[in-house]
Amino acid sequence: MTVLEVIQKSAEFLARKGVESPRLQTELLLAHVLKMPRMKLYLNFERALSESELTAFRDLVKRRGQREPLQHIVGCASFCGLELAVNRHVLVPRPETELLAEQGWQFLSTLEPQPATALDYGTGSGCLAIALAVKCPPARVFAVDTSADALDVAQQNAARHNVADRIRFFHGDGFAALPSGTSFDLIISNPPYIPTAQIEALQPEVRNHEPRQALDGGLDGLDGFRRLATEAGAFLKSGGRIMVEFGDGQEDQVCEIFEGQNWVVVEVKQDYTQRPRILIARRV
């Protein structure tokens, strides 16, 4: 079978399985198997696949048809131009979280040349901590997570991008895991914010393959924000900022939670779809 034939048949199969953007997903999987950039497939439509290539590709397409995330199948995801390893122990980084990272490193850059400090609260794959360390070399970055498996992934990603020596990773329950007396110029977080009852309605890729503890924000989805609003102030330096990502329709509630704990909302940023997505706040 040629590259074009394989793409057409596999895209039809994935479409029947309910996979979004089946042609794109097929091309990305095939590019992974053939170890070439996706766009180069278009120059090789008449190329015949070997039996071993076809077998390997069919296996990946079958997994995608079972709604396993593409990023888990190929083993990585792109975040702010960085290739990060991902698996079932961490959330696949979303495009909107790139905006959170960008706000973070832009704020840290205003503090240079002083060595700013930042905390990634609930680091998961390490995407936020690593982006901050890469974009702001003088910064000292801390990262904490309750999952030891997630921290293993984050540490591998930090080493992959040569910032392992500039990020300190901590395993434990939030701020309690940090050394006493620690404080930060920036606390940044993408906490769980899906209401518990809504998790079963999520796409199978998310519901069945991503860690529930990174999704489940409690009864109303706001438990993580309540905890951050209550506890983070004691760890923030004067003039510092907290930046958090929140879900659709949560803007008013998240603002009220922080304002009720003596925070001043500096700004609410919109995502790529013009939905409110990122809260930036400081202490009164």
Protein backbone atom coordinates (compact mmCIF):
# COMPACT_ATOMS: atom_id res chain seq x y z
CA MET A 1 0.00 0.00 0.00
CA THR A 2 1.19 3.50 -0.76
CA VAL A 3 1.38 6.39 1.69
CA LEU A 4 -1.70 8.01 0.13
CA GLU A 5 -3.74 4.82 0.26
CA VAL A 6 -2.82 4.23 3.88
CA ILE A 7 -3.75 7.77 4.84
CA GLN A 8 -7.13 7.61 3.10
CA LYS A 9 -8.16 4.23 4.54
CA SER A 10 -6.94 5.03 8.06
CA ALA A 11 -8.62 8.43 8.11
CA GLU A 12 -11.91 6.77 7.17
CA PHE A 13 -11.43 4.23 9.99
CA LEU A 14 -10.71 6.93 12.60
CA ALA A 15 -13.68 8.98 11.42
CA ARG A 16 -15.95 5.98 12.02
CA LYS A 17 -14.52 5.71 15.54
CA GLY A 18 -15.45 9.33 16.29
CA VAL A 19 -11.90 10.69 16.36
CA GLU A 20 -11.69 14.43 15.70
CA SER A 21 -9.59 15.58 12.71
CA PRO A 22 -9.07 12.00 11.49
CA ARG A 23 -6.95 12.91 8.47
CA LEU A 24 -4.57 15.05 10.54
CA GLN A 25 -4.36 12.37 13.24
CA THR A 26 -3.57 9.74 10.60
CA GLU A 27 -0.84 11.84 9.04
CA LEU A 28 0.78 12.53 12.41
CA LEU A 29 0.82 8.84 13.26
CA LEU A 30 2.26 7.89 9.88
CA ALA A 31 4.91 10.60 10.10
CA HIS A 32 5.87 9.17 13.48
CA VAL A 33 6.23 5.64 12.10
CA LEU A 34 8.19 6.79 9.03
CA LYS A 35 10.31 9.19 11.13
CA MET A 36 9.73 12.14 8.84
CA PRO A 37 8.07 15.56 9.16
CA ARG A 38 4.33 15.37 8.46
CA MET A 39 4.52 17.73 5.50
CA LYS A 40 7.10 15.47 3.83
CA LEU A 41 4.37 12.84 3.49
CA TYR A 42 2.92 14.96 0.68
CA LEU A 43 6.12 14.48 -1.30
CA ASN A 44 5.96 10.72 -0.79
CA PHE A 45 2.34 9.81 -1.61
CA GLU A 46 3.43 7.09 -4.07
CA ARG A 47 5.97 5.55 -1.70
CA ALA A 48 5.09 1.95 -0.78
CA LEU A 49 5.20 1.01 2.88
CA SER A 50 7.19 -2.03 3.92
CA GLU A 51 5.42 -4.83 5.75
CA SER A 52 7.06 -3.84 9.05
CA GLU A 53 6.07 -0.19 8.59
CA LEU A 54 2.51 -1.16 7.76
CA THR A 55 2.25 -3.46 10.79
CA ALA A 56 3.59 -0.79 13.13
CA PHE A 57 1.29 1.86 11.70
CA ARG A 58 -1.81 -0.35 11.89
CA ASP A 59 -1.12 -0.97 15.57
CA LEU A 60 -0.94 2.77 16.28
CA VAL A 61 -4.10 3.50 14.29
CA LYS A 62 -5.93 0.78 16.20
CA ARG A 63 -4.88 2.35 19.50
CA ARG A 64 -6.04 5.77 18.31
CA GLY A 65 -9.34 4.24 17.22
CA GLN A 66 -9.74 3.03 20.80
CA ARG A 67 -9.45 6.72 21.74
CA GLU A 68 -6.02 6.59 23.30
CA PRO A 69 -4.60 10.13 23.03
CA LEU A 70 -2.30 10.75 20.09
CA GLN A 71 0.29 12.24 22.45
CA HIS A 72 0.37 9.08 24.54
CA ILE A 73 0.81 6.95 21.45
CA VAL A 74 3.75 8.93 20.10
CA GLY A 75 5.04 9.62 23.62
CA CYS A 76 5.32 13.39 23.48
CA ALA A 77 3.48 16.69 23.19
CA SER A 78 4.54 20.16 22.07
CA PHE A 79 4.35 23.02 24.58
CA CYS A 80 5.70 26.51 23.88
CA GLY A 81 7.92 25.00 21.21
CA LEU A 82 9.29 22.37 23.61
CA GLU A 83 8.83 18.63 23.06
CA LEU A 84 7.75 17.07 26.34
CA ALA A 85 7.31 13.42 27.25
CA VAL A 86 3.77 12.59 28.38
CA ASN A 87 2.03 9.44 29.56
CA ARG A 88 -1.02 8.38 31.59
CA HIS A 89 0.47 9.90 34.76
CA VAL A 90 0.28 13.53 33.54
CA LEU A 91 -2.11 15.83 31.71
CA VAL A 92 -1.36 16.43 28.06
CA PRO A 93 -0.46 20.16 27.96
CA ARG A 94 -3.19 22.28 26.35
CA PRO A 95 -2.68 25.31 24.07
CA GLU A 96 -4.39 27.64 26.56
CA THR A 97 -1.82 26.70 29.20
CA GLU A 98 0.85 28.09 26.87
CA LEU A 99 -0.73 31.50 27.46
CA LEU A 100 -0.37 30.97 31.21
CA ALA A 101 3.31 30.12 30.76
CA GLU A 102 3.81 33.20 28.58
CA GLN A 103 2.25 35.48 31.20
CA GLY A 104 4.54 33.91 33.77
CA TRP A 105 7.82 34.39 31.95
CA GLN A 106 6.88 37.90 30.85
CA PHE A 107 6.33 38.84 34.51
CA LEU A 108 9.57 37.21 35.64
CA SER A 109 11.49 39.06 32.91
CA THR A 110 10.39 42.38 34.43
CA LEU A 111 12.25 41.43 37.61
CA GLU A 112 15.61 40.84 35.91
CA PRO A 113 18.52 41.14 36.51
CA GLN A 114 17.54 40.08 40.04
CA PRO A 115 17.21 36.27 40.30
CA ALA A 116 13.45 35.87 40.52
CA THR A 117 11.84 32.82 42.12
CA ALA A 118 8.81 30.94 40.83
CA LEU A 119 6.69 28.01 41.98
CA ASP A 120 4.78 25.70 39.64
CA TYR A 121 2.04 24.34 41.90
CA GLY A 122 0.87 20.94 40.63
CA THR A 123 3.56 20.63 37.99
CA GLY A 124 2.41 17.42 36.23
CA SER A 125 4.56 17.02 33.13
CA GLY A 126 6.64 20.00 34.26
CA CYS A 127 5.50 22.06 31.27
CA LEU A 128 5.08 25.35 33.15
CA ALA A 129 8.22 25.04 35.27
CA ILE A 130 10.34 24.06 32.28
CA ALA A 131 8.98 26.85 30.07
CA LEU A 132 9.76 29.40 32.80
CA ALA A 133 13.28 28.02 33.27
CA VAL A 134 13.98 27.99 29.53
CA LYS A 135 12.62 31.48 28.89
CA CYS A 136 14.06 33.08 32.06
CA PRO A 137 17.52 31.60 32.67
CA PRO A 138 18.24 33.73 35.79
CA ALA A 139 15.08 32.51 37.54
CA ARG A 140 15.09 29.87 40.26
CA VAL A 141 12.11 27.58 39.74
CA PHE A 142 10.43 25.24 42.21
CA ALA A 143 7.86 22.61 41.25
CA VAL A 144 5.61 20.51 43.47
CA ASP A 145 3.19 17.66 42.83
CA THR A 146 1.35 15.05 44.87
CA SER A 147 2.14 12.36 42.29
CA ALA A 148 5.56 10.72 42.35
CA ASP A 149 4.90 9.28 38.90
CA ALA A 150 4.17 12.74 37.51
CA LEU A 151 7.37 14.10 39.05
CA ASP A 152 9.36 11.35 37.34
CA VAL A 153 8.00 12.56 34.00
CA ALA A 154 8.67 16.21 34.89
CA GLN A 155 12.27 15.49 35.89
CA GLN A 156 12.89 13.60 32.65
CA ASN A 157 11.52 16.57 30.72
CA ALA A 158 13.67 19.02 32.66
CA ALA A 159 16.77 16.97 31.83
CA ARG A 160 15.69 16.77 28.20
CA HIS A 161 15.75 20.56 27.98
CA ASN A 162 18.88 21.07 30.08
CA VAL A 163 17.19 22.87 32.97
CA ALA A 164 17.24 20.07 35.57
CA ASP A 165 19.86 21.96 37.58
CA ARG A 166 17.62 25.06 37.78
CA ILE A 167 14.36 23.43 38.89
CA ARG A 168 13.88 21.96 42.37
CA PHE A 169 11.18 19.29 42.44
CA PHE A 170 9.20 18.43 45.56
CA HIS A 171 6.85 15.53 46.18
CA GLY A 172 4.00 16.15 48.59
CA ASP A 173 0.77 17.91 49.42
CA GLY A 174 1.11 21.42 48.05
CA PHE A 175 2.86 24.08 50.08
CA ALA A 176 3.47 21.66 52.95
CA ALA A 177 6.05 19.89 50.79
CA LEU A 178 8.23 23.00 50.44
CA PRO A 179 11.17 23.97 52.68
CA SER A 180 10.19 26.28 55.55
CA GLY A 181 10.73 29.96 54.86
CA THR A 182 10.36 29.58 51.10
CA SER A 183 8.77 32.48 49.20
CA PHE A 184 8.28 33.34 45.56
CA ASP A 185 7.88 36.24 43.16
CA LEU A 186 5.49 34.12 41.10
CA ILE A 187 3.16 31.26 41.96
CA ILE A 188 1.71 29.71 38.82
CA SER A 189 -0.79 26.87 38.59
CA ASN A 190 -3.15 24.97 36.33
CA PRO A 191 -5.16 23.24 39.07
CA PRO A 192 -7.89 20.63 38.55
CA TYR A 193 -11.08 22.51 37.68
CA ILE A 194 -13.57 20.03 36.23
CA PRO A 195 -16.62 19.48 38.50
CA THR A 196 -16.68 15.84 39.59
CA ALA A 197 -20.05 15.11 37.96
CA GLN A 198 -18.82 16.35 34.57
CA ILE A 199 -15.82 14.06 34.27
CA GLU A 200 -17.81 11.14 32.87
CA ALA A 201 -19.03 13.39 30.05
CA LEU A 202 -15.50 14.28 28.90
CA GLN A 203 -14.03 12.83 25.70
CA PRO A 204 -12.71 9.26 26.12
CA GLU A 205 -9.18 10.50 25.47
CA VAL A 206 -9.40 12.59 28.64
CA ARG A 207 -11.79 10.59 30.78
CA ASN A 208 -10.10 7.22 30.32
CA HIS A 209 -6.46 8.10 29.84
CA GLU A 210 -5.53 11.21 31.84
CA PRO A 211 -5.03 11.22 35.62
CA ARG A 212 -8.30 11.91 37.41
CA GLN A 213 -6.59 13.77 40.24
CA ALA A 214 -5.37 16.33 37.69
CA LEU A 215 -8.92 16.83 36.38
CA ASP A 216 -11.28 16.58 39.37
CA GLY A 217 -11.79 19.96 41.00
CA GLY A 218 -14.40 18.73 43.48
CA LEU A 219 -18.14 19.16 43.54
CA ASP A 220 -18.13 22.56 41.80
CA GLY A 221 -14.65 22.36 40.28
CA LEU A 222 -13.31 25.12 42.50
CA ASP A 223 -11.59 23.28 45.37
CA GLY A 224 -8.10 23.93 44.01
CA PHE A 225 -8.73 27.68 43.75
CA ARG A 226 -10.03 27.84 47.30
CA ARG A 227 -6.90 26.20 48.58
CA LEU A 228 -4.58 28.42 46.56
CA ALA A 229 -6.42 31.58 47.60
CA THR A 230 -6.20 30.55 51.25
CA GLU A 231 -2.63 29.24 51.40
CA ALA A 232 -0.57 30.92 48.67
CA GLY A 233 -0.41 34.39 50.23
CA ALA A 234 2.02 33.25 52.93
CA PHE A 235 4.47 32.12 50.22
CA LEU A 236 4.32 35.18 47.96
CA LYS A 237 6.92 37.94 48.15
CA SER A 238 5.90 41.59 48.30
CA GLY A 239 5.02 42.69 44.77
CA GLY A 240 4.63 39.10 43.65
CA ARG A 241 1.86 37.60 41.52
CA ILE A 242 -0.24 34.48 41.45
CA MET A 243 -1.41 33.26 38.04
CA VAL A 244 -3.95 30.46 37.60
CA GLU A 245 -5.82 28.87 34.72
CA PHE A 246 -9.57 28.24 35.18
CA GLY A 247 -12.39 26.61 33.23
CA ASP A 248 -15.21 27.91 31.06
CA GLY A 249 -17.75 29.94 33.02
CA GLN A 250 -15.66 30.03 36.21
CA GLU A 251 -14.34 33.59 35.95
CA ASP A 252 -16.74 35.27 38.41
CA GLN A 253 -16.48 32.51 41.00
CA VAL A 254 -12.70 32.32 40.87
CA CYS A 255 -12.41 36.09 41.21
CA GLU A 256 -14.77 36.05 44.19
CA ILE A 257 -12.76 33.28 45.85
CA PHE A 258 -9.50 35.22 45.60
CA GLU A 259 -10.98 38.59 46.51
CA GLY A 260 -12.56 36.96 49.57
CA GLN A 261 -9.07 35.99 50.74
CA ASN A 262 -7.51 39.46 50.45
CA TRP A 263 -6.27 39.24 46.89
CA VAL A 264 -6.57 41.99 44.30
CA VAL A 265 -7.38 40.75 40.81
CA VAL A 266 -4.92 42.53 38.55
CA GLU A 267 -6.21 41.12 35.25
CA VAL A 268 -8.18 38.31 33.66
CA LYS A 269 -6.68 37.18 30.34
CA GLN A 270 -8.60 35.53 27.51
CA ASP A 271 -7.52 32.41 25.65
CA TYR A 272 -7.32 31.86 21.88
CA THR A 273 -11.10 31.52 21.65
CA GLN A 274 -11.65 34.81 23.50
CA ARG A 275 -12.88 33.04 26.64
CA PRO A 276 -11.70 34.27 30.07
CA ARG A 277 -9.02 31.76 31.10
CA ILE A 278 -6.22 33.17 33.28
CA LEU A 279 -6.48 35.09 36.54
CA ILE A 280 -3.58 37.27 37.65
CA ALA A 281 -3.72 38.56 41.23
CA ARG A 282 -1.59 40.14 43.95
CA ARG A 283 -1.96 40.46 47.70
CA VAL A 284 -3.73 43.47 49.20
